[in-house]
Amino acid sequence: MNWLMLAKILLELLPAIIGGIKSLEQAMPGPGQGAAKLEALRAVLQGAHDTGEAALGTFDALWPSIVKVVGNLVDTFNRAGIFRKDA
C-alpha cells in the first residue's frame, strides 16, 4: 500500500478514531490506562475491519499507522485540556 492510499484510509477513519478515543476516555477516565484503551480501540476497529472490505489490506498492516495517529491525537487533546490528567 502506498503512502497516499494509507493517508486516505487514515483520514477516512479519523472520525471513528476520534469518537473511539473520546468514548474510551469517558468510559475509562484517568491516567495510566492508555494501553487498555488502545487495546479496546484496536478490538473495535479490527472487528469492523474484519467484517468490511478486504480491499483495505490487512488490519495488521494498518495498525502501526493508527497507533501513531492515536498517539498524536491524545497528545493534542491533552495539551488542549480536553482530557483531564487529574481525573
PDB file of N, CA and C in Angstrom:
ATOM      1  N   MET A   1       0.851  -1.163   0.000  1.00  0.00           N
ATOM      2  CA  MET A   1       0.000   0.000   0.000  1.00  0.00           C
ATOM      3  C   MET A   1       0.901   1.232   0.000  1.00  0.00           C
ATOM      4  N   ASN A   2       0.661   2.155  -0.912  1.00  0.00           N
ATOM      5  CA  ASN A   2       1.487   3.350  -0.961  1.00  0.00           C
ATOM      6  C   ASN A   2       1.021   4.368   0.078  1.00  0.00           C
ATOM      7  N   TRP A   3       1.832   5.374   0.328  1.00  0.00           N
ATOM      8  CA  TRP A   3       1.546   6.336   1.398  1.00  0.00           C
ATOM      9  C   TRP A   3       0.276   7.126   1.127  1.00  0.00           C
ATOM     10  N   LEU A   4      -0.030   7.404  -0.135  1.00  0.00           N
ATOM     11  CA  LEU A   4      -1.226   8.175  -0.460  1.00  0.00           C
ATOM     12  C   LEU A   4      -2.489   7.381  -0.122  1.00  0.00           C
ATOM     13  N   MET A   5      -2.481   6.094  -0.443  1.00  0.00           N
ATOM     14  CA  MET A   5      -3.627   5.246  -0.100  1.00  0.00           C
ATOM     15  C   MET A   5      -3.757   5.141   1.422  1.00  0.00           C
ATOM     16  N   LEU A   6      -2.636   4.982   2.113  1.00  0.00           N
ATOM     17  CA  LEU A   6      -2.654   4.894   3.569  1.00  0.00           C
ATOM     18  C   LEU A   6      -3.200   6.191   4.170  1.00  0.00           C
ATOM     19  N   ALA A   7      -2.749   7.331   3.659  1.00  0.00           N
ATOM     20  CA  ALA A   7      -3.239   8.619   4.149  1.00  0.00           C
ATOM     21  C   ALA A   7      -4.743   8.738   3.945  1.00  0.00           C
ATOM     22  N   LYS A   8      -5.225   8.312   2.798  1.00  0.00           N
ATOM     23  CA  LYS A   8      -6.663   8.374   2.509  1.00  0.00           C
ATOM     24  C   LYS A   8      -7.446   7.501   3.488  1.00  0.00           C
ATOM     25  N   ILE A   9      -6.964   6.309   3.739  1.00  0.00           N
ATOM     26  CA  ILE A   9      -7.634   5.413   4.673  1.00  0.00           C
ATOM     27  C   ILE A   9      -7.648   6.023   6.072  1.00  0.00           C
ATOM     28  N   LEU A  10      -6.505   6.551   6.518  1.00  0.00           N
ATOM     29  CA  LEU A  10      -6.433   7.143   7.859  1.00  0.00           C
ATOM     30  C   LEU A  10      -7.353   8.350   7.988  1.00  0.00           C
ATOM     31  N   LEU A  11      -7.420   9.183   6.962  1.00  0.00           N
ATOM     32  CA  LEU A  11      -8.310  10.334   7.009  1.00  0.00           C
ATOM     33  C   LEU A  11      -9.778   9.907   7.031  1.00  0.00           C
ATOM     34  N   GLU A  12     -10.092   8.836   6.330  1.00  0.00           N
ATOM     35  CA  GLU A  12     -11.461   8.321   6.353  1.00  0.00           C
ATOM     36  C   GLU A  12     -11.804   7.716   7.717  1.00  0.00           C
ATOM     37  N   LEU A  13     -10.811   7.140   8.377  1.00  0.00           N
ATOM     38  CA  LEU A  13     -11.015   6.556   9.705  1.00  0.00           C
ATOM     39  C   LEU A  13     -10.995   7.590  10.824  1.00  0.00           C
ATOM     40  N   LEU A  14     -10.490   8.777  10.552  1.00  0.00           N
ATOM     41  CA  LEU A  14     -10.279   9.776  11.591  1.00  0.00           C
ATOM     42  C   LEU A  14     -11.514  10.053  12.459  1.00  0.00           C
ATOM     43  N   PRO A  15     -12.699  10.263  11.896  1.00  0.00           N
ATOM     44  CA  PRO A  15     -13.862  10.485  12.766  1.00  0.00           C
ATOM     45  C   PRO A  15     -14.142   9.297  13.702  1.00  0.00           C
ATOM     46  N   ALA A  16     -13.974   8.094  13.201  1.00  0.00           N
ATOM     47  CA  ALA A  16     -14.188   6.905  14.039  1.00  0.00           C
ATOM     48  C   ALA A  16     -13.116   6.794  15.113  1.00  0.00           C
ATOM     49  N   ILE A  17     -11.883   7.123  14.768  1.00  0.00           N
ATOM     50  CA  ILE A  17     -10.788   7.066  15.732  1.00  0.00           C
ATOM     51  C   ILE A  17     -11.007   8.095  16.837  1.00  0.00           C
ATOM     52  N   ILE A  18     -11.345   9.327  16.458  1.00  0.00           N
ATOM     53  CA  ILE A  18     -11.583  10.376  17.448  1.00  0.00           C
ATOM     54  C   ILE A  18     -12.771  10.006  18.333  1.00  0.00           C
ATOM     55  N   GLY A  19     -13.841   9.526  17.728  1.00  0.00           N
ATOM     56  CA  GLY A  19     -15.002   9.106  18.508  1.00  0.00           C
ATOM     57  C   GLY A  19     -14.659   7.982  19.473  1.00  0.00           C
ATOM     58  N   GLY A  20     -13.848   7.050  19.005  1.00  0.00           N
ATOM     59  CA  GLY A  20     -13.427   5.945  19.860  1.00  0.00           C
ATOM     60  C   GLY A  20     -12.574   6.417  21.021  1.00  0.00           C
ATOM     61  N   ILE A  21     -11.643   7.314  20.759  1.00  0.00           N
ATOM     62  CA  ILE A  21     -10.785   7.851  21.819  1.00  0.00           C
ATOM     63  C   ILE A  21     -11.644   8.542  22.877  1.00  0.00           C
ATOM     64  N   LYS A  22     -12.551   9.401  22.442  1.00  0.00           N
ATOM     65  CA  LYS A  22     -13.391  10.144  23.382  1.00  0.00           C
ATOM     66  C   LYS A  22     -14.308   9.208  24.170  1.00  0.00           C
ATOM     67  N   SER A  23     -14.878   8.221  23.513  1.00  0.00           N
ATOM     68  CA  SER A  23     -15.747   7.266  24.202  1.00  0.00           C
ATOM     69  C   SER A  23     -14.983   6.466  25.245  1.00  0.00           C
ATOM     70  N   LEU A  24     -13.798   6.019  24.884  1.00  0.00           N
ATOM     71  CA  LEU A  24     -12.987   5.243  25.824  1.00  0.00           C
ATOM     72  C   LEU A  24     -12.505   6.098  26.986  1.00  0.00           C
ATOM     73  N   GLU A  25     -12.183   7.355  26.716  1.00  0.00           N
ATOM     74  CA  GLU A  25     -11.762   8.252  27.801  1.00  0.00           C
ATOM     75  C   GLU A  25     -12.917   8.489  28.768  1.00  0.00           C
ATOM     76  N   GLN A  26     -14.112   8.577  28.238  1.00  0.00           N
ATOM     77  CA  GLN A  26     -15.283   8.771  29.095  1.00  0.00           C
ATOM     78  C   GLN A  26     -15.581   7.500  29.898  1.00  0.00           C
ATOM     79  N   ALA A  27     -15.441   6.351  29.269  1.00  0.00           N
ATOM     80  CA  ALA A  27     -15.723   5.079  29.936  1.00  0.00           C
ATOM     81  C   ALA A  27     -14.636   4.706  30.936  1.00  0.00           C
ATOM     82  N   MET A  28     -13.395   5.101  30.656  1.00  0.00           N
ATOM     83  CA  MET A  28     -12.249   4.738  31.497  1.00  0.00           C
ATOM     84  C   MET A  28     -11.438   5.993  31.791  1.00  0.00           C
ATOM     85  N   PRO A  29     -11.992   6.933  32.580  1.00  0.00           N
ATOM     86  CA  PRO A  29     -11.284   8.193  32.807  1.00  0.00           C
ATOM     87  C   PRO A  29     -10.039   8.012  33.670  1.00  0.00           C
ATOM     88  N   GLY A  30      -9.166   8.967  33.538  1.00  0.00           N
ATOM     89  CA  GLY A  30      -7.987   8.973  34.390  1.00  0.00           C
ATOM     90  C   GLY A  30      -6.751   8.470  33.698  1.00  0.00           C
ATOM     91  N   PRO A  31      -5.610   8.799  34.285  1.00  0.00           N
ATOM     92  CA  PRO A  31      -4.326   8.413  33.702  1.00  0.00           C
ATOM     93  C   PRO A  31      -3.980   6.956  33.979  1.00  0.00           C
ATOM     94  N   GLY A  32      -3.001   6.464  33.238  1.00  0.00           N
ATOM     95  CA  GLY A  32      -2.459   5.132  33.488  1.00  0.00           C
ATOM     96  C   GLY A  32      -3.210   3.995  32.830  1.00  0.00           C
ATOM     97  N   GLN A  33      -4.185   4.308  31.994  1.00  0.00           N
ATOM     98  CA  GLN A  33      -4.949   3.257  31.339  1.00  0.00           C
ATOM     99  C   GLN A  33      -4.836   3.315  29.827  1.00  0.00           C
ATOM    100  N   GLY A  34      -3.810   4.003  29.350  1.00  0.00           N
ATOM    101  CA  GLY A  34      -3.647   4.187  27.910  1.00  0.00           C
ATOM    102  C   GLY A  34      -3.532   2.885  27.137  1.00  0.00           C
ATOM    103  N   ALA A  35      -2.779   1.925  27.668  1.00  0.00           N
ATOM    104  CA  ALA A  35      -2.606   0.652  26.959  1.00  0.00           C
ATOM    105  C   ALA A  35      -3.924  -0.100  26.852  1.00  0.00           C
ATOM    106  N   ALA A  36      -4.712  -0.082  27.909  1.00  0.00           N
ATOM    107  CA  ALA A  36      -6.010  -0.770  27.883  1.00  0.00           C
ATOM    108  C   ALA A  36      -6.967  -0.084  26.912  1.00  0.00           C
ATOM    109  N   LYS A  37      -6.934   1.242  26.896  1.00  0.00           N
ATOM    110  CA  LYS A  37      -7.785   1.991  25.973  1.00  0.00           C
ATOM    111  C   LYS A  37      -7.377   1.720  24.525  1.00  0.00           C
ATOM    112  N   LEU A  38      -6.076   1.671  24.278  1.00  0.00           N
ATOM    113  CA  LEU A  38      -5.585   1.403  22.927  1.00  0.00           C
ATOM    114  C   LEU A  38      -5.985   0.004  22.475  1.00  0.00           C
ATOM    115  N   GLU A  39      -5.904  -0.972  23.358  1.00  0.00           N
ATOM    116  CA  GLU A  39      -6.316  -2.344  23.011  1.00  0.00           C
ATOM    117  C   GLU A  39      -7.816  -2.418  22.749  1.00  0.00           C
ATOM    118  N   ALA A  40      -8.606  -1.676  23.527  1.00  0.00           N
ATOM    119  CA  ALA A  40     -10.051  -1.644  23.296  1.00  0.00           C
ATOM    120  C   ALA A  40     -10.356  -1.015  21.940  1.00  0.00           C
ATOM    121  N   LEU A  41      -9.657   0.067  21.610  1.00  0.00           N
ATOM    122  CA  LEU A  41      -9.850   0.704  20.307  1.00  0.00           C
ATOM    123  C   LEU A  41      -9.458  -0.248  19.192  1.00  0.00           C
ATOM    124  N   ARG A  42      -8.357  -0.957  19.392  1.00  0.00           N
ATOM    125  CA  ARG A  42      -7.924  -1.934  18.387  1.00  0.00           C
ATOM    126  C   ARG A  42      -8.998  -3.001  18.173  1.00  0.00           C
ATOM    127  N   ALA A  43      -9.571  -3.506  19.251  1.00  0.00           N
ATOM    128  CA  ALA A  43     -10.593  -4.554  19.140  1.00  0.00           C
ATOM    129  C   ALA A  43     -11.799  -4.062  18.339  1.00  0.00           C
ATOM    130  N   VAL A  44     -12.207  -2.832  18.602  1.00  0.00           N
ATOM    131  CA  VAL A  44     -13.366  -2.277  17.889  1.00  0.00           C
ATOM    132  C   VAL A  44     -13.042  -2.090  16.407  1.00  0.00           C
ATOM    133  N   LEU A  45     -11.918  -1.447  16.126  1.00  0.00           N
ATOM    134  CA  LEU A  45     -11.568  -1.186  14.726  1.00  0.00           C
ATOM    135  C   LEU A  45     -11.278  -2.473  13.962  1.00  0.00           C
ATOM    136  N   GLN A  46     -10.606  -3.409  14.613  1.00  0.00           N
ATOM    137  CA  GLN A  46     -10.308  -4.666  13.937  1.00  0.00           C
ATOM    138  C   GLN A  46     -11.583  -5.453  13.683  1.00  0.00           C
ATOM    139  N   GLY A  47     -12.502  -5.425  14.632  1.00  0.00           N
ATOM    140  CA  GLY A  47     -13.781  -6.097  14.429  1.00  0.00           C
ATOM    141  C   GLY A  47     -14.541  -5.528  13.244  1.00  0.00           C
ATOM    142  N   ALA A  48     -14.511  -4.206  13.123  1.00  0.00           N
ATOM    143  CA  ALA A  48     -15.176  -3.564  11.988  1.00  0.00           C
ATOM    144  C   ALA A  48     -14.451  -3.886  10.691  1.00  0.00           C
ATOM    145  N   HIS A  49     -13.129  -3.870  10.727  1.00  0.00           N
ATOM    146  CA  HIS A  49     -12.336  -4.166   9.537  1.00  0.00           C
ATOM    147  C   HIS A  49     -12.580  -5.594   9.057  1.00  0.00           C
ATOM    148  N   ASP A  50     -12.598  -6.525   9.993  1.00  0.00           N
ATOM    149  CA  ASP A  50     -12.730  -7.936   9.625  1.00  0.00           C
ATOM    150  C   ASP A  50     -14.070  -8.263   8.985  1.00  0.00           C
ATOM    151  N   THR A  51     -15.071  -7.407   9.194  1.00  0.00           N
ATOM    152  CA  THR A  51     -16.365  -7.628   8.556  1.00  0.00           C
ATOM    153  C   THR A  51     -16.564  -6.693   7.368  1.00  0.00           C
ATOM    154  N   GLY A  52     -15.541  -5.884   7.058  1.00  0.00           N
ATOM    155  CA  GLY A  52     -15.638  -4.888   5.990  1.00  0.00           C
ATOM    156  C   GLY A  52     -14.945  -5.320   4.719  1.00  0.00           C
ATOM    157  N   GLU A  53     -14.439  -4.343   4.025  1.00  0.00           N
ATOM    158  CA  GLU A  53     -13.843  -4.568   2.714  1.00  0.00           C
ATOM    159  C   GLU A  53     -12.432  -5.143   2.811  1.00  0.00           C
ATOM    160  N   ALA A  54     -12.192  -6.192   2.088  1.00  0.00           N
ATOM    161  CA  ALA A  54     -10.856  -6.788   2.047  1.00  0.00           C
ATOM    162  C   ALA A  54      -9.871  -5.882   1.314  1.00  0.00           C
ATOM    163  N   ALA A  55     -10.372  -4.947   0.519  1.00  0.00           N
ATOM    164  CA  ALA A  55      -9.506  -4.065  -0.252  1.00  0.00           C
ATOM    165  C   ALA A  55      -8.673  -3.141   0.634  1.00  0.00           C
ATOM    166  N   LEU A  56      -9.036  -3.018   1.897  1.00  0.00           N
ATOM    167  CA  LEU A  56      -8.277  -2.155   2.802  1.00  0.00           C
ATOM    168  C   LEU A  56      -6.943  -2.754   3.193  1.00  0.00           C
ATOM    169  N   GLY A  57      -6.702  -3.989   2.855  1.00  0.00           N
ATOM    170  CA  GLY A  57      -5.462  -4.643   3.256  1.00  0.00           C
ATOM    171  C   GLY A  57      -5.639  -5.268   4.625  1.00  0.00           C
ATOM    172  N   THR A  58      -4.584  -5.847   5.112  1.00  0.00           N
ATOM    173  CA  THR A  58      -4.690  -6.496   6.413  1.00  0.00           C
ATOM    174  C   THR A  58      -4.706  -5.455   7.507  1.00  0.00           C
ATOM    175  N   PHE A  59      -5.436  -5.724   8.552  1.00  0.00           N
ATOM    176  CA  PHE A  59      -5.513  -4.801   9.674  1.00  0.00           C
ATOM    177  C   PHE A  59      -4.139  -4.615  10.311  1.00  0.00           C
ATOM    178  N   ASP A  60      -3.382  -5.697  10.388  1.00  0.00           N
ATOM    179  CA  ASP A  60      -2.047  -5.611  10.988  1.00  0.00           C
ATOM    180  C   ASP A  60      -1.148  -4.631  10.232  1.00  0.00           C
ATOM    181  N   ALA A  61      -1.373  -4.473   8.934  1.00  0.00           N
ATOM    182  CA  ALA A  61      -0.588  -3.512   8.161  1.00  0.00           C
ATOM    183  C   ALA A  61      -1.009  -2.071   8.470  1.00  0.00           C
ATOM    184  N   LEU A  62      -2.286  -1.870   8.807  1.00  0.00           N
ATOM    185  CA  LEU A  62      -2.799  -0.536   9.121  1.00  0.00           C
ATOM    186  C   LEU A  62      -2.507  -0.120  10.556  1.00  0.00           C
ATOM    187  N   TRP A  63      -2.474  -1.093  11.476  1.00  0.00           N
ATOM    188  CA  TRP A  63      -2.417  -0.791  12.900  1.00  0.00           C
ATOM    189  C   TRP A  63      -1.258   0.123  13.318  1.00  0.00           C
ATOM    190  N   PRO A  64      -0.029  -0.082  12.870  1.00  0.00           N
ATOM    191  CA  PRO A  64       1.053   0.817  13.310  1.00  0.00           C
ATOM    192  C   PRO A  64       0.773   2.291  12.973  1.00  0.00           C
ATOM    193  N   SER A  65       0.188   2.544  11.838  1.00  0.00           N
ATOM    194  CA  SER A  65      -0.146   3.923  11.473  1.00  0.00           C
ATOM    195  C   SER A  65      -1.286   4.451  12.327  1.00  0.00           C
ATOM    196  N   ILE A  66      -2.253   3.608  12.633  1.00  0.00           N
ATOM    197  CA  ILE A  66      -3.357   4.015  13.502  1.00  0.00           C
ATOM    198  C   ILE A  66      -2.825   4.366  14.889  1.00  0.00           C
ATOM    199  N   VAL A  67      -1.890   3.568  15.401  1.00  0.00           N
ATOM    200  CA  VAL A  67      -1.303   3.839  16.717  1.00  0.00           C
ATOM    201  C   VAL A  67      -0.625   5.216  16.724  1.00  0.00           C
ATOM    202  N   LYS A  68       0.086   5.556  15.662  1.00  0.00           N
ATOM    203  CA  LYS A  68       0.739   6.862  15.586  1.00  0.00           C
ATOM    204  C   LYS A  68      -0.299   7.988  15.579  1.00  0.00           C
ATOM    205  N   VAL A  69      -1.370   7.801  14.823  1.00  0.00           N
ATOM    206  CA  VAL A  69      -2.436   8.804  14.769  1.00  0.00           C
ATOM    207  C   VAL A  69      -3.061   8.963  16.155  1.00  0.00           C
ATOM    208  N   VAL A  70      -3.367   7.859  16.816  1.00  0.00           N
ATOM    209  CA  VAL A  70      -3.966   7.906  18.152  1.00  0.00           C
ATOM    210  C   VAL A  70      -3.032   8.637  19.114  1.00  0.00           C
ATOM    211  N   GLY A  71      -1.766   8.311  19.098  1.00  0.00           N
ATOM    212  CA  GLY A  71      -0.810   8.973  19.980  1.00  0.00           C
ATOM    213  C   GLY A  71      -0.766  10.473  19.763  1.00  0.00           C
ATOM    214  N   ASN A  72      -0.740  10.881  18.520  1.00  0.00           N
ATOM    215  CA  ASN A  72      -0.717  12.312  18.214  1.00  0.00           C
ATOM    216  C   ASN A  72      -2.009  13.003  18.637  1.00  0.00           C
ATOM    217  N   LEU A  73      -3.137  12.348  18.406  1.00  0.00           N
ATOM    218  CA  LEU A  73      -4.415  12.933  18.810  1.00  0.00           C
ATOM    219  C   LEU A  73      -4.519  13.060  20.321  1.00  0.00           C
ATOM    220  N   VAL A  74      -4.129  12.022  21.051  1.00  0.00           N
ATOM    221  CA  VAL A  74      -4.190  12.070  22.509  1.00  0.00           C
ATOM    222  C   VAL A  74      -3.276  13.165  23.046  1.00  0.00           C
ATOM    223  N   ASP A  75      -2.080  13.286  22.490  1.00  0.00           N
ATOM    224  CA  ASP A  75      -1.174  14.365  22.896  1.00  0.00           C
ATOM    225  C   ASP A  75      -1.814  15.733  22.649  1.00  0.00           C
ATOM    226  N   THR A  76      -2.421  15.887  21.496  1.00  0.00           N
ATOM    227  CA  THR A  76      -3.081  17.154  21.156  1.00  0.00           C
ATOM    228  C   THR A  76      -4.241  17.430  22.104  1.00  0.00           C
ATOM    229  N   PHE A  77      -5.064  16.417  22.380  1.00  0.00           N
ATOM    230  CA  PHE A  77      -6.194  16.589  23.291  1.00  0.00           C
ATOM    231  C   PHE A  77      -5.707  16.927  24.701  1.00  0.00           C
ATOM    232  N   ASN A  78      -4.631  16.284  25.135  1.00  0.00           N
ATOM    233  CA  ASN A  78      -4.072  16.573  26.463  1.00  0.00           C
ATOM    234  C   ASN A  78      -3.561  18.010  26.548  1.00  0.00           C
ATOM    235  N   ARG A  79      -2.838  18.452  25.533  1.00  0.00           N
ATOM    236  CA  ARG A  79      -2.305  19.817  25.530  1.00  0.00           C
ATOM    237  C   ARG A  79      -3.419  20.855  25.476  1.00  0.00           C
ATOM    238  N   ALA A  80      -4.515  20.502  24.791  1.00  0.00           N
ATOM    239  CA  ALA A  80      -5.648  21.421  24.675  1.00  0.00           C
ATOM    240  C   ALA A  80      -6.542  21.387  25.913  1.00  0.00           C
ATOM    241  N   GLY A  81      -6.261  20.471  26.828  1.00  0.00           N
ATOM    242  CA  GLY A  81      -7.058  20.375  28.051  1.00  0.00           C
ATOM    243  C   GLY A  81      -8.367  19.625  27.873  1.00  0.00           C
ATOM    244  N   ILE A  82      -8.508  18.906  26.773  1.00  0.00           N
ATOM    245  CA  ILE A  82      -9.743  18.159  26.532  1.00  0.00           C
ATOM    246  C   ILE A  82      -9.851  16.978  27.490  1.00  0.00           C
ATOM    247  N   PHE A  83      -8.727  16.336  27.764  1.00  0.00           N
ATOM    248  CA  PHE A  83      -8.686  15.236  28.741  1.00  0.00           C
ATOM    249  C   PHE A  83      -8.015  15.759  30.001  1.00  0.00           C
ATOM    250  N   ARG A  84      -8.649  15.543  31.132  1.00  0.00           N
ATOM    251  CA  ARG A  84      -8.068  15.974  32.412  1.00  0.00           C
ATOM    252  C   ARG A  84      -7.137  14.903  32.932  1.00  0.00           C
ATOM    253  N   LYS A  85      -5.963  15.302  33.346  1.00  0.00           N
ATOM    254  CA  LYS A  85      -4.971  14.376  33.870  1.00  0.00           C
ATOM    255  C   LYS A  85      -5.245  14.014  35.326  1.00  0.00           C
ATOM    256  N   ASP A  86      -6.011  14.812  36.046  1.00  0.00           N
ATOM    257  CA  ASP A  86      -6.228  14.601  37.467  1.00  0.00           C
ATOM    258  C   ASP A  86      -7.460  13.781  37.781  1.00  0.00           C
ATOM    259  N   ALA A  87      -8.131  13.275  36.766  1.00  0.00           N
ATOM    260  CA  ALA A  87      -9.381  12.532  36.994  1.00  0.00           C
ATOM    261  C   ALA A  87      -9.120  11.182  37.596  1.00  0.00           C
TER     262      ALA A  87
END
